[in-house]
């Protein structure tokens, strides 16, 4: 029997909004083939993809000469 990982939550990375929308879009796309209202489900996938693309890219830190 496996013991539960007590530190799993502390190691979890904080999810950005774009990553969250990406995950939600994939989940909605997987449900699409068995959905009764496919048009509505497809709109949900498109919504999440649009939200993901609208997010600002993460700001990168510039390396300075003193840090190199």
Protein backbone atom coordinates (compact mmCIF):
# COMPACT_ATOMS: atom_id res chain seq x y z
CA UNK A 1 0.00 0.00 0.00
CA UNK A 2 1.37 3.39 -0.97
CA UNK A 3 1.69 6.07 1.64
CA UNK A 4 0.16 9.44 0.79
CA UNK A 5 2.52 12.16 -0.32
CA UNK A 6 2.23 14.71 2.46
CA UNK A 7 4.25 17.37 0.64
CA UNK A 8 2.48 17.27 -2.74
CA UNK A 9 0.69 20.58 -2.14
CA UNK A 10 3.86 22.39 -1.11
CA UNK A 11 5.64 21.36 -4.32
CA UNK A 12 2.75 22.29 -6.62
CA UNK A 13 3.58 25.16 -8.95
CA UNK A 14 1.22 28.12 -9.06
CA UNK A 15 -0.84 27.88 -12.23
CA UNK A 16 -0.98 30.97 -14.44
CA UNK A 17 -4.34 31.98 -15.92
CA UNK A 18 -3.14 30.93 -19.39
CA UNK A 19 -2.18 27.47 -18.10
CA UNK A 20 -5.54 27.16 -16.39
CA UNK A 21 -7.43 28.05 -19.58
CA UNK A 22 -5.27 25.63 -21.55
CA UNK A 23 -6.13 22.82 -19.13
CA UNK A 24 -9.84 23.72 -19.18
CA UNK A 25 -9.87 23.84 -23.00
CA UNK A 26 -8.32 20.36 -23.20
CA UNK A 27 -10.84 18.98 -20.72
CA UNK A 28 -13.74 20.53 -22.64
CA UNK A 29 -12.37 19.17 -25.94
CA UNK A 30 -12.23 15.66 -24.47
CA UNK A 31 -15.89 15.95 -23.42
CA UNK A 32 -16.89 17.26 -26.85
CA UNK A 33 -17.34 13.88 -28.55
CA UNK A 34 -19.91 12.68 -26.02
CA UNK A 35 -21.67 16.02 -25.50
CA UNK A 36 -25.34 16.30 -26.37
CA UNK A 37 -25.04 20.00 -27.18
CA UNK A 38 -21.88 19.93 -29.29
CA UNK A 39 -22.18 23.53 -30.47
CA UNK A 40 -22.28 24.82 -26.89
CA UNK A 41 -19.37 22.60 -25.88
CA UNK A 42 -17.34 23.74 -28.90
CA UNK A 43 -17.99 27.37 -27.95
CA UNK A 44 -16.64 26.62 -24.49
CA UNK A 45 -13.42 25.22 -26.00
CA UNK A 46 -13.07 28.34 -28.18
CA UNK A 47 -13.73 30.59 -25.18
CA UNK A 48 -10.93 29.01 -23.16
CA UNK A 49 -8.51 29.15 -26.10
CA UNK A 50 -9.32 32.84 -26.69
CA UNK A 51 -8.80 33.63 -23.00
CA UNK A 52 -5.50 31.76 -23.06
CA UNK A 53 -4.28 33.79 -26.04
CA UNK A 54 -5.41 37.10 -24.53
CA UNK A 55 -3.24 36.63 -21.45
CA UNK A 56 -0.08 38.68 -21.36
CA UNK A 57 3.07 36.61 -21.70
CA UNK A 58 5.06 36.28 -18.48
CA UNK A 59 7.61 39.04 -18.03
CA UNK A 60 11.16 37.76 -18.30
CA UNK A 61 13.93 39.10 -16.16
CA UNK A 62 16.72 40.70 -18.10
CA UNK A 63 20.23 39.62 -17.23
CA UNK A 64 22.44 42.52 -16.39
CA UNK A 65 26.20 42.65 -16.70
CA UNK A 66 26.58 42.47 -12.92
CA UNK A 67 24.43 39.32 -12.71
CA UNK A 68 26.36 37.48 -15.44
